[in-house]
Amino acid sequence: KPGSLEEEREKMIDLFLDHASLKDTEAMIVFDAHRSNSREIAESSVGRVKIVFTRSGQSADQFIERYIYEYRGERRIFVVTSDYAQQKMIFGKGVYRKPPQEMIREMRTTEKEMREKIAHYQPGPFPLSGRVDSGVRARLEDMRRAKKFNRGEE
């Protein structure tokens, strides 16, 4: 799509932030930086999303392959990729693959479900009287009346 690469990255991060929050899960987005001059992997986290920029000379695929190679099976991991070679390696390590189109559908469905829940949410009045017992209400009313009396309003 038109726009700067940085804008597109931000949009992707926002989508994953929303999705991870709504699904109560974590996500990692790995961006290629193998053409940059950076000698270090740059990592940051925003909410439930970890953002990784690979180091110079390392592709996102290489980073993901190493991450999966070191994977110990302590949780379920899904890798969103359409790369056939990476898919084969993923299956061999007990990691799940999700095609990008499926991930997009899942994200749209989650977003739609959330919009529907919000649309049906009708906040009602929540008066204090419904949440505070009668003894506390009586003391608060006495305090209010005493304050009015001291100001000469009664």
Protein backbone atom coordinates (compact mmCIF):
# COMPACT_ATOMS: atom_id res chain seq x y z
CA LYS A 1 0.00 0.00 0.00
CA PRO A 2 1.13 3.58 -0.53
CA GLY A 3 2.79 5.33 2.36
CA SER A 4 6.08 5.20 4.09
CA LEU A 5 7.49 1.95 5.37
CA GLU A 6 7.45 3.40 8.88
CA GLU A 7 3.72 4.21 8.63
CA GLU A 8 2.97 0.69 7.47
CA ARG A 9 5.00 -0.76 10.33
CA GLU A 10 3.07 1.38 12.81
CA LYS A 11 -0.25 0.19 11.35
CA MET A 12 0.86 -3.44 11.68
CA ILE A 13 1.99 -2.90 15.26
CA ASP A 14 -1.35 -1.27 16.11
CA LEU A 15 -3.27 -4.18 14.57
CA PHE A 16 -1.29 -6.70 16.58
CA LEU A 17 -1.61 -4.62 19.76
CA ASP A 18 -5.39 -4.62 19.44
CA HIS A 19 -5.52 -8.30 18.55
CA ALA A 20 -3.19 -9.40 21.35
CA SER A 21 -5.18 -7.39 23.89
CA LEU A 22 -8.55 -8.67 22.70
CA LYS A 23 -7.35 -12.29 22.57
CA ASP A 24 -5.37 -12.05 25.84
CA THR A 25 -2.20 -13.30 24.17
CA GLU A 26 1.26 -12.07 23.26
CA ALA A 27 2.74 -11.35 19.85
CA MET A 28 6.17 -10.77 18.37
CA ILE A 29 6.69 -8.89 15.13
CA VAL A 30 10.05 -9.33 13.43
CA PHE A 31 11.13 -6.73 10.88
CA ASP A 32 14.01 -7.16 8.46
CA ALA A 33 16.87 -4.82 9.13
CA HIS A 34 19.53 -6.90 7.40
CA ARG A 35 20.27 -4.04 5.00
CA SER A 36 20.84 -1.55 7.79
CA ASN A 37 24.13 -0.81 9.48
CA SER A 38 22.95 -1.94 12.91
CA ARG A 39 25.19 -4.54 14.51
CA GLU A 40 22.71 -5.32 17.26
CA ILE A 41 19.22 -6.71 17.29
CA ALA A 42 16.85 -3.96 18.41
CA GLU A 43 13.99 -5.11 20.64
CA SER A 44 11.22 -3.17 22.29
CA SER A 45 7.83 -3.96 23.74
CA VAL A 46 4.55 -2.14 23.48
CA GLY A 47 1.83 -3.66 25.60
CA ARG A 48 1.63 -7.34 24.72
CA VAL A 49 3.62 -6.97 21.51
CA LYS A 50 7.37 -7.44 21.26
CA ILE A 51 8.93 -5.65 18.28
CA VAL A 52 12.22 -6.89 16.87
CA PHE A 53 14.46 -5.38 14.20
CA THR A 54 17.11 -7.83 13.08
CA ARG A 55 20.75 -6.81 12.93
CA SER A 56 22.69 -6.04 9.78
CA GLY A 57 23.10 -9.14 7.63
CA GLN A 58 20.25 -11.01 9.31
CA SER A 59 16.82 -11.44 7.74
CA ALA A 60 13.58 -11.76 9.69
CA ASP A 61 13.36 -15.36 8.47
CA GLN A 62 16.80 -16.12 9.92
CA PHE A 63 15.83 -14.57 13.25
CA ILE A 64 12.58 -16.57 13.38
CA GLU A 65 14.36 -19.81 12.45
CA ARG A 66 16.87 -19.30 15.26
CA TYR A 67 14.12 -18.43 17.71
CA ILE A 68 12.25 -21.61 16.78
CA TYR A 69 15.44 -23.69 16.89
CA GLU A 70 15.91 -22.57 20.52
CA TYR A 71 12.22 -23.12 21.31
CA ARG A 72 11.68 -25.50 24.22
CA GLY A 73 7.93 -26.10 23.92
CA GLU A 74 6.90 -24.16 27.02
CA ARG A 75 3.97 -22.52 25.20
CA ARG A 76 2.17 -22.65 21.87
CA ILE A 77 3.78 -20.54 19.19
CA PHE A 78 2.23 -19.59 15.86
CA VAL A 79 4.40 -18.22 13.07
CA VAL A 80 2.59 -16.19 10.44
CA THR A 81 4.39 -16.90 7.16
CA SER A 82 3.82 -17.95 3.59
CA ASP A 83 7.47 -18.97 3.11
CA TYR A 84 7.49 -22.69 2.21
CA ALA A 85 11.01 -23.43 3.50
CA GLN A 86 10.20 -21.81 6.81
CA GLN A 87 6.93 -23.74 7.04
CA LYS A 88 8.80 -27.05 6.76
CA MET A 89 11.21 -26.07 9.50
CA ILE A 90 8.36 -24.83 11.72
CA PHE A 91 6.46 -28.11 11.51
CA GLY A 92 9.59 -30.04 12.46
CA LYS A 93 9.90 -28.13 15.75
CA GLY A 94 6.29 -28.47 16.90
CA VAL A 95 5.45 -24.84 16.19
CA TYR A 96 2.22 -23.91 14.44
CA ARG A 97 2.06 -22.09 11.12
CA LYS A 98 -0.61 -19.60 10.23
CA PRO A 99 -0.88 -18.23 6.68
CA PRO A 100 -1.02 -14.42 6.51
CA GLN A 101 -4.52 -14.54 4.97
CA GLU A 102 -5.80 -16.61 7.90
CA MET A 103 -4.24 -14.20 10.40
CA ILE A 104 -5.89 -11.25 8.65
CA ARG A 105 -9.28 -13.02 8.75
CA GLU A 106 -8.83 -13.82 12.43
CA MET A 107 -7.92 -10.21 13.21
CA ARG A 108 -10.93 -8.89 11.29
CA THR A 109 -13.26 -11.34 13.04
CA THR A 110 -11.90 -10.36 16.45
CA GLU A 111 -12.29 -6.68 15.63
CA LYS A 112 -15.85 -7.22 14.37
CA GLU A 113 -16.81 -9.15 17.51
CA MET A 114 -15.44 -6.38 19.69
CA ARG A 115 -17.30 -3.69 17.74
CA GLU A 116 -20.53 -5.67 18.12
CA LYS A 117 -20.03 -6.02 21.87
CA ILE A 118 -19.37 -2.30 22.19
CA ALA A 119 -22.40 -1.43 20.04
CA HIS A 120 -24.69 -3.50 22.30
CA TYR A 121 -23.23 -2.14 25.51
CA GLN A 122 -25.69 0.28 27.04
CA PRO A 123 -24.26 1.81 30.15
CA GLY A 124 -27.04 2.48 32.59
CA PRO A 125 -27.19 4.77 35.56
CA PHE A 126 -25.13 3.53 38.43
CA PRO A 127 -26.38 5.60 41.36
CA LEU A 128 -24.38 5.55 44.54
CA SER A 129 -27.46 4.34 46.41
CA GLY A 130 -27.28 1.04 44.58
CA ARG A 131 -23.68 0.38 45.58
CA VAL A 132 -23.49 1.63 49.18
CA ASP A 133 -25.28 0.10 52.13
CA SER A 134 -27.97 2.09 53.91
CA GLY A 135 -25.83 2.84 57.01
CA VAL A 136 -23.10 4.47 54.93
CA ARG A 137 -25.71 6.38 52.90
CA ALA A 138 -27.26 7.73 56.12
CA ARG A 139 -23.89 8.92 57.44
CA LEU A 140 -23.10 10.59 54.09
CA GLU A 141 -26.49 12.31 54.12
CA ASP A 142 -25.89 13.54 57.69
CA MET A 143 -22.50 14.95 56.60
CA ARG A 144 -24.09 16.67 53.62
CA ARG A 145 -26.81 18.26 55.77
CA ALA A 146 -24.30 19.37 58.40
CA LYS A 147 -22.17 21.02 55.72
CA LYS A 148 -25.20 22.85 54.28
CA PHE A 149 -26.25 23.96 57.76
CA ASN A 150 -22.75 25.30 58.55
CA ARG A 151 -22.82 27.33 55.32
CA GLY A 152 -26.21 28.74 56.30
CA GLU A 153 -28.07 27.12 53.42
CA GLU A 154 -30.82 25.49 55.50
